[in-house]
Amino acid sequence: MALVRACALRDLARESALAVEIGRDDVAIVRSGERVYAIADECSHAAIPLSEGDVGDGEIECYLHGSRFDLTTGQPLGLPATEPVAVYRVEVVGDDVFVDLEAQPDAPQN
């Protein structure tokens, strides 16, 4: 899949997440620090939207049970989650955020 426009950068406040639907996929577009990330918008512990959680220091926390995930790797950083969530390659072009749902990032983008 090619890059798909997910949102405008101006729609994404710092240290926040925005729920978007790309095709049939629910994705959380997350801005933490100077970076923008794309992560599957569902906690791997319970089917809760991660986009409704707290963001900070390159992590997102599920609001229901407190599971935390690394925004770069999708790896869980705190229980009760033990399984990672998918992360996707992001490119910011001008004022637009683009996501590639097929590509997992090997290294930080942006």
PDB file of N, CA and C in Angstrom:
ATOM      1  N   MET A   1       0.853  -1.186   0.000  1.00  0.00           N
ATOM      2  CA  MET A   1       0.000   0.000   0.000  1.00  0.00           C
ATOM      3  C   MET A   1       0.884   1.229   0.000  1.00  0.00           C
ATOM      4  N   ALA A   2       0.505   2.209  -0.718  1.00  0.00           N
ATOM      5  CA  ALA A   2       1.233   3.471  -0.780  1.00  0.00           C
ATOM      6  C   ALA A   2       0.851   4.347   0.410  1.00  0.00           C
ATOM      7  N   LEU A   3       1.558   5.432   0.527  1.00  0.00           N
ATOM      8  CA  LEU A   3       1.221   6.398   1.567  1.00  0.00           C
ATOM      9  C   LEU A   3      -0.178   6.951   1.334  1.00  0.00           C
ATOM     10  N   VAL A   4      -0.932   7.071   2.425  1.00  0.00           N
ATOM     11  CA  VAL A   4      -2.300   7.585   2.378  1.00  0.00           C
ATOM     12  C   VAL A   4      -2.392   8.761   3.342  1.00  0.00           C
ATOM     13  N   ARG A   5      -3.030   9.840   2.916  1.00  0.00           N
ATOM     14  CA  ARG A   5      -3.201  10.991   3.799  1.00  0.00           C
ATOM     15  C   ARG A   5      -4.105  10.606   4.958  1.00  0.00           C
ATOM     16  N   ALA A   6      -3.626  10.874   6.176  1.00  0.00           N
ATOM     17  CA  ALA A   6      -4.383  10.530   7.378  1.00  0.00           C
ATOM     18  C   ALA A   6      -5.062  11.744   7.997  1.00  0.00           C
ATOM     19  N   CYS A   7      -4.372  12.882   8.004  1.00  0.00           N
ATOM     20  CA  CYS A   7      -4.931  14.090   8.616  1.00  0.00           C
ATOM     21  C   CYS A   7      -4.015  15.266   8.313  1.00  0.00           C
ATOM     22  N   ALA A   8      -4.463  16.434   8.707  1.00  0.00           N
ATOM     23  CA  ALA A   8      -3.620  17.633   8.640  1.00  0.00           C
ATOM     24  C   ALA A   8      -2.828  17.722   9.941  1.00  0.00           C
ATOM     25  N   LEU A   9      -1.592  18.116   9.860  1.00  0.00           N
ATOM     26  CA  LEU A   9      -0.753  18.246  11.048  1.00  0.00           C
ATOM     27  C   LEU A   9      -1.373  19.216  12.049  1.00  0.00           C
ATOM     28  N   ARG A  10      -2.013  20.262  11.564  1.00  0.00           N
ATOM     29  CA  ARG A  10      -2.617  21.258  12.461  1.00  0.00           C
ATOM     30  C   ARG A  10      -3.775  20.682  13.295  1.00  0.00           C
ATOM     31  N   ASP A  11      -4.332  19.547  12.860  1.00  0.00           N
ATOM     32  CA  ASP A  11      -5.419  18.900  13.610  1.00  0.00           C
ATOM     33  C   ASP A  11      -4.910  18.069  14.773  1.00  0.00           C
ATOM     34  N   LEU A  12      -3.597  17.988  14.922  1.00  0.00           N
ATOM     35  CA  LEU A  12      -2.978  17.117  15.912  1.00  0.00           C
ATOM     36  C   LEU A  12      -2.208  17.951  16.927  1.00  0.00           C
ATOM     37  N   ALA A  13      -2.795  18.123  18.111  1.00  0.00           N
ATOM     38  CA  ALA A  13      -2.129  18.891  19.162  1.00  0.00           C
ATOM     39  C   ALA A  13      -0.922  18.118  19.685  1.00  0.00           C
ATOM     40  N   ARG A  14       0.026  18.822  20.251  1.00  0.00           N
ATOM     41  CA  ARG A  14       1.199  18.153  20.840  1.00  0.00           C
ATOM     42  C   ARG A  14       0.752  17.270  22.004  1.00  0.00           C
ATOM     43  N   GLU A  15       1.450  16.141  22.148  1.00  0.00           N
ATOM     44  CA  GLU A  15       1.171  15.157  23.198  1.00  0.00           C
ATOM     45  C   GLU A  15      -0.300  14.730  23.171  1.00  0.00           C
ATOM     46  N   SER A  16      -0.767  14.409  21.966  1.00  0.00           N
ATOM     47  CA  SER A  16      -2.153  13.955  21.820  1.00  0.00           C
ATOM     48  C   SER A  16      -2.250  12.925  20.707  1.00  0.00           C
ATOM     49  N   ALA A  17      -3.422  12.301  20.623  1.00  0.00           N
ATOM     50  CA  ALA A  17      -3.689  11.310  19.580  1.00  0.00           C
ATOM     51  C   ALA A  17      -5.011  11.647  18.907  1.00  0.00           C
ATOM     52  N   LEU A  18      -5.101  11.258  17.650  1.00  0.00           N
ATOM     53  CA  LEU A  18      -6.287  11.501  16.847  1.00  0.00           C
ATOM     54  C   LEU A  18      -6.680  10.186  16.191  1.00  0.00           C
ATOM     55  N   ALA A  19      -7.927   9.778  16.371  1.00  0.00           N
ATOM     56  CA  ALA A  19      -8.425   8.558  15.742  1.00  0.00           C
ATOM     57  C   ALA A  19      -8.774   8.846  14.297  1.00  0.00           C
ATOM     58  N   VAL A  20      -8.256   8.019  13.386  1.00  0.00           N
ATOM     59  CA  VAL A  20      -8.596   8.126  11.971  1.00  0.00           C
ATOM     60  C   VAL A  20      -8.888   6.732  11.436  1.00  0.00           C
ATOM     61  N   GLU A  21      -9.676   6.695  10.388  1.00  0.00           N
ATOM     62  CA  GLU A  21      -9.949   5.429   9.711  1.00  0.00           C
ATOM     63  C   GLU A  21      -9.309   5.505   8.334  1.00  0.00           C
ATOM     64  N   ILE A  22      -8.444   4.537   8.059  1.00  0.00           N
ATOM     65  CA  ILE A  22      -7.780   4.463   6.765  1.00  0.00           C
ATOM     66  C   ILE A  22      -8.219   3.144   6.143  1.00  0.00           C
ATOM     67  N   GLY A  23      -9.067   3.240   5.144  1.00  0.00           N
ATOM     68  CA  GLY A  23      -9.664   2.023   4.596  1.00  0.00           C
ATOM     69  C   GLY A  23     -10.513   1.380   5.679  1.00  0.00           C
ATOM     70  N   ARG A  24     -10.195   0.148   6.002  1.00  0.00           N
ATOM     71  CA  ARG A  24     -10.910  -0.560   7.080  1.00  0.00           C
ATOM     72  C   ARG A  24     -10.154  -0.549   8.394  1.00  0.00           C
ATOM     73  N   ASP A  25      -9.019   0.137   8.432  1.00  0.00           N
ATOM     74  CA  ASP A  25      -8.164   0.120   9.616  1.00  0.00           C
ATOM     75  C   ASP A  25      -8.375   1.346  10.491  1.00  0.00           C
ATOM     76  N   ASP A  26      -8.493   1.107  11.792  1.00  0.00           N
ATOM     77  CA  ASP A  26      -8.544   2.189  12.770  1.00  0.00           C
ATOM     78  C   ASP A  26      -7.119   2.461  13.228  1.00  0.00           C
ATOM     79  N   VAL A  27      -6.691   3.705  13.052  1.00  0.00           N
ATOM     80  CA  VAL A  27      -5.313   4.092  13.335  1.00  0.00           C
ATOM     81  C   VAL A  27      -5.328   5.305  14.254  1.00  0.00           C
ATOM     82  N   ALA A  28      -4.408   5.308  15.208  1.00  0.00           N
ATOM     83  CA  ALA A  28      -4.203   6.486  16.049  1.00  0.00           C
ATOM     84  C   ALA A  28      -2.996   7.231  15.496  1.00  0.00           C
ATOM     85  N   ILE A  29      -3.198   8.475  15.109  1.00  0.00           N
ATOM     86  CA  ILE A  29      -2.099   9.347  14.701  1.00  0.00           C
ATOM     87  C   ILE A  29      -1.708  10.113  15.962  1.00  0.00           C
ATOM     88  N   VAL A  30      -0.451   9.999  16.342  1.00  0.00           N
ATOM     89  CA  VAL A  30      -0.012  10.492  17.644  1.00  0.00           C
ATOM     90  C   VAL A  30       1.133  11.471  17.460  1.00  0.00           C
ATOM     91  N   ARG A  31       1.054  12.574  18.199  1.00  0.00           N
ATOM     92  CA  ARG A  31       2.135  13.568  18.193  1.00  0.00           C
ATOM     93  C   ARG A  31       2.723  13.608  19.589  1.00  0.00           C
ATOM     94  N   SER A  32       3.994  13.262  19.676  1.00  0.00           N
ATOM     95  CA  SER A  32       4.697  13.278  20.959  1.00  0.00           C
ATOM     96  C   SER A  32       6.059  13.908  20.737  1.00  0.00           C
ATOM     97  N   GLY A  33       6.342  14.944  21.491  1.00  0.00           N
ATOM     98  CA  GLY A  33       7.563  15.693  21.259  1.00  0.00           C
ATOM     99  C   GLY A  33       7.516  16.301  19.875  1.00  0.00           C
ATOM    100  N   GLU A  34       8.567  16.133  19.107  1.00  0.00           N
ATOM    101  CA  GLU A  34       8.630  16.667  17.748  1.00  0.00           C
ATOM    102  C   GLU A  34       8.260  15.625  16.704  1.00  0.00           C
ATOM    103  N   ARG A  35       7.846  14.437  17.133  1.00  0.00           N
ATOM    104  CA  ARG A  35       7.579  13.339  16.210  1.00  0.00           C
ATOM    105  C   ARG A  35       6.094  13.074  16.044  1.00  0.00           C
ATOM    106  N   VAL A  36       5.759  12.481  14.906  1.00  0.00           N
ATOM    107  CA  VAL A  36       4.398  12.014  14.632  1.00  0.00           C
ATOM    108  C   VAL A  36       4.488  10.518  14.370  1.00  0.00           C
ATOM    109  N   TYR A  37       3.573   9.772  14.965  1.00  0.00           N
ATOM    110  CA  TYR A  37       3.558   8.317  14.875  1.00  0.00           C
ATOM    111  C   TYR A  37       2.187   7.851  14.391  1.00  0.00           C
ATOM    112  N   ALA A  38       2.152   6.626  13.892  1.00  0.00           N
ATOM    113  CA  ALA A  38       0.888   5.967  13.565  1.00  0.00           C
ATOM    114  C   ALA A  38       0.924   4.592  14.212  1.00  0.00           C
ATOM    115  N   ILE A  39      -0.128   4.276  14.950  1.00  0.00           N
ATOM    116  CA  ILE A  39      -0.193   3.030  15.702  1.00  0.00           C
ATOM    117  C   ILE A  39      -1.614   2.486  15.603  1.00  0.00           C
ATOM    118  N   ALA A  40      -1.755   1.182  15.627  1.00  0.00           N
ATOM    119  CA  ALA A  40      -3.093   0.588  15.601  1.00  0.00           C
ATOM    120  C   ALA A  40      -3.900   1.146  16.776  1.00  0.00           C
ATOM    121  N   ASP A  41      -5.122   1.534  16.505  1.00  0.00           N
ATOM    122  CA  ASP A  41      -5.939   2.207  17.521  1.00  0.00           C
ATOM    123  C   ASP A  41      -6.741   1.204  18.347  1.00  0.00           C
ATOM    124  N   GLU A  42      -6.051   0.192  18.855  1.00  0.00           N
ATOM    125  CA  GLU A  42      -6.716  -0.773  19.727  1.00  0.00           C
ATOM    126  C   GLU A  42      -5.689  -1.399  20.662  1.00  0.00           C
ATOM    127  N   CYS A  43      -5.924  -1.282  21.947  1.00  0.00           N
ATOM    128  CA  CYS A  43      -5.058  -1.883  22.948  1.00  0.00           C
ATOM    129  C   CYS A  43      -5.046  -3.402  22.752  1.00  0.00           C
ATOM    130  N   SER A  44      -3.880  -4.012  22.862  1.00  0.00           N
ATOM    131  CA  SER A  44      -3.772  -5.459  22.679  1.00  0.00           C
ATOM    132  C   SER A  44      -4.275  -6.236  23.888  1.00  0.00           C
ATOM    133  N   HIS A  45      -4.511  -5.569  24.992  1.00  0.00           N
ATOM    134  CA  HIS A  45      -5.036  -6.234  26.185  1.00  0.00           C
ATOM    135  C   HIS A  45      -6.557  -6.287  26.171  1.00  0.00           C
ATOM    136  N   ALA A  46      -7.158  -5.177  25.832  1.00  0.00           N
ATOM    137  CA  ALA A  46      -8.621  -5.076  25.759  1.00  0.00           C
ATOM    138  C   ALA A  46      -8.929  -4.190  24.558  1.00  0.00           C
ATOM    139  N   ALA A  47      -9.985  -4.450  23.890  1.00  0.00           N
ATOM    140  CA  ALA A  47     -10.315  -3.729  22.647  1.00  0.00           C
ATOM    141  C   ALA A  47     -10.762  -2.296  22.946  1.00  0.00           C
ATOM    142  N   ILE A  48      -9.834  -1.505  23.424  1.00  0.00           N
ATOM    143  CA  ILE A  48     -10.084  -0.117  23.809  1.00  0.00           C
ATOM    144  C   ILE A  48      -9.287   0.787  22.869  1.00  0.00           C
ATOM    145  N   PRO A  49      -9.863   1.873  22.356  1.00  0.00           N
ATOM    146  CA  PRO A  49      -9.117   2.779  21.477  1.00  0.00           C
ATOM    147  C   PRO A  49      -7.950   3.452  22.205  1.00  0.00           C
ATOM    148  N   LEU A  50      -6.752   3.234  21.704  1.00  0.00           N
ATOM    149  CA  LEU A  50      -5.590   3.888  22.294  1.00  0.00           C
ATOM    150  C   LEU A  50      -5.625   5.399  22.086  1.00  0.00           C
ATOM    151  N   SER A  51      -6.313   5.854  21.041  1.00  0.00           N
ATOM    152  CA  SER A  51      -6.387   7.289  20.759  1.00  0.00           C
ATOM    153  C   SER A  51      -7.066   8.075  21.876  1.00  0.00           C
ATOM    154  N   GLU A  52      -7.748   7.390  22.773  1.00  0.00           N
ATOM    155  CA  GLU A  52      -8.400   8.062  23.899  1.00  0.00           C
ATOM    156  C   GLU A  52      -7.516   8.108  25.139  1.00  0.00           C
ATOM    157  N   GLY A  53      -6.295   7.583  25.020  1.00  0.00           N
ATOM    158  CA  GLY A  53      -5.382   7.530  26.162  1.00  0.00           C
ATOM    159  C   GLY A  53      -4.470   8.736  26.244  1.00  0.00           C
ATOM    160  N   ASP A  54      -3.612   8.709  27.254  1.00  0.00           N
ATOM    161  CA  ASP A  54      -2.647   9.785  27.470  1.00  0.00           C
ATOM    162  C   ASP A  54      -1.386   9.537  26.659  1.00  0.00           C
ATOM    163  N   VAL A  55      -0.773  10.636  26.194  1.00  0.00           N
ATOM    164  CA  VAL A  55       0.439  10.583  25.384  1.00  0.00           C
ATOM    165  C   VAL A  55       1.531  11.375  26.082  1.00  0.00           C
ATOM    166  N   GLY A  56       2.751  10.852  26.066  1.00  0.00           N
ATOM    167  CA  GLY A  56       3.891  11.586  26.600  1.00  0.00           C
ATOM    168  C   GLY A  56       5.160  10.776  26.492  1.00  0.00           C
ATOM    169  N   ASP A  57       6.263  11.459  26.221  1.00  0.00           N
ATOM    170  CA  ASP A  57       7.585  10.839  26.179  1.00  0.00           C
ATOM    171  C   ASP A  57       7.661   9.645  25.236  1.00  0.00           C
ATOM    172  N   GLY A  58       7.015   9.732  24.075  1.00  0.00           N
ATOM    173  CA  GLY A  58       7.094   8.657  23.099  1.00  0.00           C
ATOM    174  C   GLY A  58       6.290   7.425  23.448  1.00  0.00           C
ATOM    175  N   GLU A  59       5.313   7.591  24.345  1.00  0.00           N
ATOM    176  CA  GLU A  59       4.469   6.472  24.778  1.00  0.00           C
ATOM    177  C   GLU A  59       3.001   6.879  24.716  1.00  0.00           C
ATOM    178  N   ILE A  60       2.136   5.862  24.639  1.00  0.00           N
ATOM    179  CA  ILE A  60       0.704   6.086  24.761  1.00  0.00           C
ATOM    180  C   ILE A  60       0.181   5.103  25.788  1.00  0.00           C
ATOM    181  N   GLU A  61      -0.749   5.574  26.623  1.00  0.00           N
ATOM    182  CA  GLU A  61      -1.297   4.752  27.705  1.00  0.00           C
ATOM    183  C   GLU A  61      -2.785   4.519  27.483  1.00  0.00           C
ATOM    184  N   CYS A  62      -3.192   3.273  27.563  1.00  0.00           N
ATOM    185  CA  CYS A  62      -4.604   2.921  27.469  1.00  0.00           C
ATOM    186  C   CYS A  62      -5.320   3.457  28.706  1.00  0.00           C
ATOM    187  N   TYR A  63      -6.404   4.157  28.503  1.00  0.00           N
ATOM    188  CA  TYR A  63      -7.091   4.798  29.629  1.00  0.00           C
ATOM    189  C   TYR A  63      -7.800   3.801  30.548  1.00  0.00           C
ATOM    190  N   LEU A  64      -8.124   2.607  30.069  1.00  0.00           N
ATOM    191  CA  LEU A  64      -8.928   1.698  30.882  1.00  0.00           C
ATOM    192  C   LEU A  64      -8.124   0.944  31.928  1.00  0.00           C
ATOM    193  N   HIS A  65      -7.041   0.284  31.518  1.00  0.00           N
ATOM    194  CA  HIS A  65      -6.265  -0.526  32.465  1.00  0.00           C
ATOM    195  C   HIS A  65      -4.833  -0.039  32.648  1.00  0.00           C
ATOM    196  N   GLY A  66      -4.432   0.995  31.932  1.00  0.00           N
ATOM    197  CA  GLY A  66      -3.109   1.579  32.145  1.00  0.00           C
ATOM    198  C   GLY A  66      -1.969   0.943  31.368  1.00  0.00           C
ATOM    199  N   SER A  67      -2.255   0.052  30.424  1.00  0.00           N
ATOM    200  CA  SER A  67      -1.176  -0.496  29.596  1.00  0.00           C
ATOM    201  C   SER A  67      -0.522   0.634  28.817  1.00  0.00           C
ATOM    202  N   ARG A  68       0.798   0.600  28.741  1.00  0.00           N
ATOM    203  CA  ARG A  68       1.538   1.616  27.990  1.00  0.00           C
ATOM    204  C   ARG A  68       2.256   0.953  26.823  1.00  0.00           C
ATOM    205  N   PHE A  69       2.369   1.694  25.710  1.00  0.00           N
ATOM    206  CA  PHE A  69       3.013   1.180  24.508  1.00  0.00           C
ATOM    207  C   PHE A  69       4.028   2.178  23.978  1.00  0.00           C
ATOM    208  N   ASP A  70       5.173   1.661  23.515  1.00  0.00           N
ATOM    209  CA  ASP A  70       6.181   2.469  22.858  1.00  0.00           C
ATOM    210  C   ASP A  70       5.654   2.846  21.478  1.00  0.00           C
ATOM    211  N   LEU A  71       5.652   4.132  21.153  1.00  0.00           N
ATOM    212  CA  LEU A  71       5.091   4.598  19.889  1.00  0.00           C
ATOM    213  C   LEU A  71       5.963   4.249  18.686  1.00  0.00           C
ATOM    214  N   THR A  72       7.241   3.985  18.896  1.00  0.00           N
ATOM    215  CA  THR A  72       8.126   3.627  17.798  1.00  0.00           C
ATOM    216  C   THR A  72       8.029   2.150  17.446  1.00  0.00           C
ATOM    217  N   THR A  73       7.940   1.298  18.470  1.00  0.00           N
ATOM    218  CA  THR A  73       7.976  -0.152  18.241  1.00  0.00           C
ATOM    219  C   THR A  73       6.629  -0.842  18.437  1.00  0.00           C
ATOM    220  N   GLY A  74       5.719  -0.213  19.180  1.00  0.00           N
ATOM    221  CA  GLY A  74       4.448  -0.845  19.514  1.00  0.00           C
ATOM    222  C   GLY A  74       4.545  -1.819  20.676  1.00  0.00           C
ATOM    223  N   GLN A  75       5.732  -1.993  21.225  1.00  0.00           N
ATOM    224  CA  GLN A  75       5.928  -2.937  22.330  1.00  0.00           C
ATOM    225  C   GLN A  75       5.259  -2.424  23.605  1.00  0.00           C
ATOM    226  N   PRO A  76       4.659  -3.337  24.390  1.00  0.00           N
ATOM    227  CA  PRO A  76       4.065  -2.930  25.658  1.00  0.00           C
ATOM    228  C   PRO A  76       5.157  -2.565  26.657  1.00  0.00           C
ATOM    229  N   LEU A  77       4.916  -1.513  27.417  1.00  0.00           N
ATOM    230  CA  LEU A  77       5.867  -1.039  28.416  1.00  0.00           C
ATOM    231  C   LEU A  77       5.345  -1.214  29.827  1.00  0.00           C
ATOM    232  N   GLY A  78       4.100  -1.656  29.949  1.00  0.00           N
ATOM    233  CA  GLY A  78       3.518  -1.851  31.270  1.00  0.00           C
ATOM    234  C   GLY A  78       2.323  -2.781  31.188  1.00  0.00           C
ATOM    235  N   LEU A  79       2.175  -3.575  32.203  1.00  0.00           N
ATOM    236  CA  LEU A  79       1.056  -4.512  32.278  1.00  0.00           C
ATOM    237  C   LEU A  79      -0.252  -3.750  32.423  1.00  0.00           C
ATOM    238  N   PRO A  80      -1.359  -4.359  32.041  1.00  0.00           N
ATOM    239  CA  PRO A  80      -1.546  -5.782  31.792  1.00  0.00           C
ATOM    240  C   PRO A  80      -1.264  -6.225  30.368  1.00  0.00           C
ATOM    241  N   ALA A  81      -1.007  -5.345  29.423  1.00  0.00           N
ATOM    242  CA  ALA A  81      -0.731  -5.767  28.047  1.00  0.00           C
ATOM    243  C   ALA A  81       0.603  -6.507  27.980  1.00  0.00           C
ATOM    244  N   THR A  82       0.627  -7.587  27.209  1.00  0.00           N
ATOM    245  CA  THR A  82       1.858  -8.352  26.996  1.00  0.00           C
ATOM    246  C   THR A  82       2.172  -8.490  25.506  1.00  0.00           C
ATOM    247  N   GLU A  83       1.244  -8.136  24.642  1.00  0.00           N
ATOM    248  CA  GLU A  83       1.418  -8.240  23.198  1.00  0.00           C
ATOM    249  C   GLU A  83       1.573  -6.843  22.591  1.00  0.00           C
ATOM    250  N   PRO A  84       2.426  -6.707  21.590  1.00  0.00           N
ATOM    251  CA  PRO A  84       2.593  -5.400  20.938  1.00  0.00           C
ATOM    252  C   PRO A  84       1.394  -5.046  20.066  1.00  0.00           C
ATOM    253  N   VAL A  85       1.336  -3.786  19.675  1.00  0.00           N
ATOM    254  CA  VAL A  85       0.354  -3.323  18.694  1.00  0.00           C
ATOM    255  C   VAL A  85       1.132  -2.882  17.454  1.00  0.00           C
ATOM    256  N   ALA A  86       0.471  -2.910  16.315  1.00  0.00           N
ATOM    257  CA  ALA A  86       1.126  -2.548  15.057  1.00  0.00           C
ATOM    258  C   ALA A  86       1.450  -1.052  15.020  1.00  0.00           C
ATOM    259  N   VAL A  87       2.599  -0.748  14.470  1.00  0.00           N
ATOM    260  CA  VAL A  87       2.990   0.634  14.200  1.00  0.00           C
ATOM    261  C   VAL A  87       3.273   0.744  12.702  1.00  0.00           C
ATOM    262  N   TYR A  88       3.135   1.953  12.171  1.00  0.00           N
ATOM    263  CA  TYR A  88       3.241   2.156  10.737  1.00  0.00           C
ATOM    264  C   TYR A  88       4.154   3.325  10.419  1.00  0.00           C
ATOM    265  N   ARG A  89       4.712   3.280   9.217  1.00  0.00           N
ATOM    266  CA  ARG A  89       5.576   4.361   8.749  1.00  0.00           C
ATOM    267  C   ARG A  89       4.748   5.615   8.520  1.00  0.00           C
ATOM    268  N   VAL A  90       5.303   6.748   8.945  1.00  0.00           N
ATOM    269  CA  VAL A  90       4.634   8.044   8.819  1.00  0.00           C
ATOM    270  C   VAL A  90       5.552   9.008   8.081  1.00  0.00           C
ATOM    271  N   GLU A  91       4.975   9.825   7.239  1.00  0.00           N
ATOM    272  CA  GLU A  91       5.695  10.935   6.621  1.00  0.00           C
ATOM    273  C   GLU A  91       4.849  12.185   6.762  1.00  0.00           C
ATOM    274  N   VAL A  92       5.481  13.261   7.181  1.00  0.00           N
ATOM    275  CA  VAL A  92       4.821  14.556   7.231  1.00  0.00           C
ATOM    276  C   VAL A  92       5.327  15.341   6.024  1.00  0.00           C
ATOM    277  N   VAL A  93       4.396  15.721   5.162  1.00  0.00           N
ATOM    278  CA  VAL A  93       4.726  16.475   3.957  1.00  0.00           C
ATOM    279  C   VAL A  93       3.949  17.780   4.026  1.00  0.00           C
ATOM    280  N   GLY A  94       4.676  18.869   4.220  1.00  0.00           N
ATOM    281  CA  GLY A  94       4.010  20.158   4.390  1.00  0.00           C
ATOM    282  C   GLY A  94       3.157  20.114   5.636  1.00  0.00           C
ATOM    283  N   ASP A  95       1.857  20.311   5.472  1.00  0.00           N
ATOM    284  CA  ASP A  95       0.933  20.312   6.603  1.00  0.00           C
ATOM    285  C   ASP A  95       0.108  19.028   6.670  1.00  0.00           C
ATOM    286  N   ASP A  96       0.514  17.998   5.935  1.00  0.00           N
ATOM    287  CA  ASP A  96      -0.258  16.765   5.908  1.00  0.00           C
ATOM    288  C   ASP A  96       0.530  15.590   6.475  1.00  0.00           C
ATOM    289  N   VAL A  97      -0.189  14.690   7.139  1.00  0.00           N
ATOM    290  CA  VAL A  97       0.389  13.475   7.708  1.00  0.00           C
ATOM    291  C   VAL A  97      -0.052  12.305   6.828  1.00  0.00           C
ATOM    292  N   PHE A  98       0.928  11.541   6.345  1.00  0.00           N
ATOM    293  CA  PHE A  98       0.670  10.376   5.506  1.00  0.00           C
ATOM    294  C   PHE A  98       1.124   9.120   6.232  1.00  0.00           C
ATOM    295  N   VAL A  99       0.400   8.016   6.019  1.00  0.00           N
ATOM    296  CA  VAL A  99       0.692   6.747   6.682  1.00  0.00           C
ATOM    297  C   VAL A  99       0.747   5.646   5.641  1.00  0.00           C
ATOM    298  N   ASP A 100       1.678   4.716   5.827  1.00  0.00           N
ATOM    299  CA  ASP A 100       1.769   3.505   5.009  1.00  0.00           C
ATOM    300  C   ASP A 100       1.425   2.333   5.915  1.00  0.00           C
ATOM    301  N   LEU A 101       0.231   1.759   5.748  1.00  0.00           N
ATOM    302  CA  LEU A 101      -0.221   0.678   6.626  1.00  0.00           C
ATOM    303  C   LEU A 101       0.521  -0.626   6.389  1.00  0.00           C
ATOM    304  N   GLU A 102       1.248  -0.734   5.301  1.00  0.00           N
ATOM    305  CA  GLU A 102       1.992  -1.968   5.021  1.00  0.00           C
ATOM    306  C   GLU A 102       3.389  -1.936   5.618  1.00  0.00           C
ATOM    307  N   ALA A 103       3.954  -0.769   5.781  1.00  0.00           N
ATOM    308  CA  ALA A 103       5.354  -0.657   6.181  1.00  0.00           C
ATOM    309  C   ALA A 103       5.497  -0.438   7.678  1.00  0.00           C
ATOM    310  N   GLN A 104       6.248  -1.304   8.304  1.00  0.00           N
ATOM    311  CA  GLN A 104       6.617  -1.126   9.701  1.00  0.00           C
ATOM    312  C   GLN A 104       7.897  -0.296   9.723  1.00  0.00           C
ATOM    313  N   PRO A 105       7.999   0.699  10.587  1.00  0.00           N
ATOM    314  CA  PRO A 105       9.210   1.528  10.592  1.00  0.00           C
ATOM    315  C   PRO A 105      10.414   0.756  11.120  1.00  0.00           C
ATOM    316  N   ASP A 106      11.530   0.865  10.420  1.00  0.00           N
ATOM    317  CA  ASP A 106      12.783   0.252  10.878  1.00  0.00           C
ATOM    318  C   ASP A 106      13.541   1.216  11.775  1.00  0.00           C
ATOM    319  N   ALA A 107      13.366   2.470  11.519  1.00  0.00           N
ATOM    320  CA  ALA A 107      14.054   3.509  12.265  1.00  0.00           C
ATOM    321  C   ALA A 107      13.127   4.711  12.322  1.00  0.00           C
ATOM    322  N   PRO A 108      13.365   5.602  13.255  1.00  0.00           N
ATOM    323  CA  PRO A 108      12.508   6.779  13.353  1.00  0.00           C
ATOM    324  C   PRO A 108      12.422   7.531  12.046  1.00  0.00           C
ATOM    325  N   GLN A 109      11.208   7.937  11.685  1.00  0.00           N
ATOM    326  CA  GLN A 109      10.962   8.791  10.519  1.00  0.00           C
ATOM    327  C   GLN A 109      10.872  10.214  11.055  1.00  0.00           C
ATOM    328  N   ASN A 110      10.559  11.178  10.241  1.00  0.00           N
ATOM    329  CA  ASN A 110      10.396  12.595  10.649  1.00  0.00           C
ATOM    330  C   ASN A 110      11.703  13.128  11.192  1.00  0.00           C
TER     331      ASN A 110
END
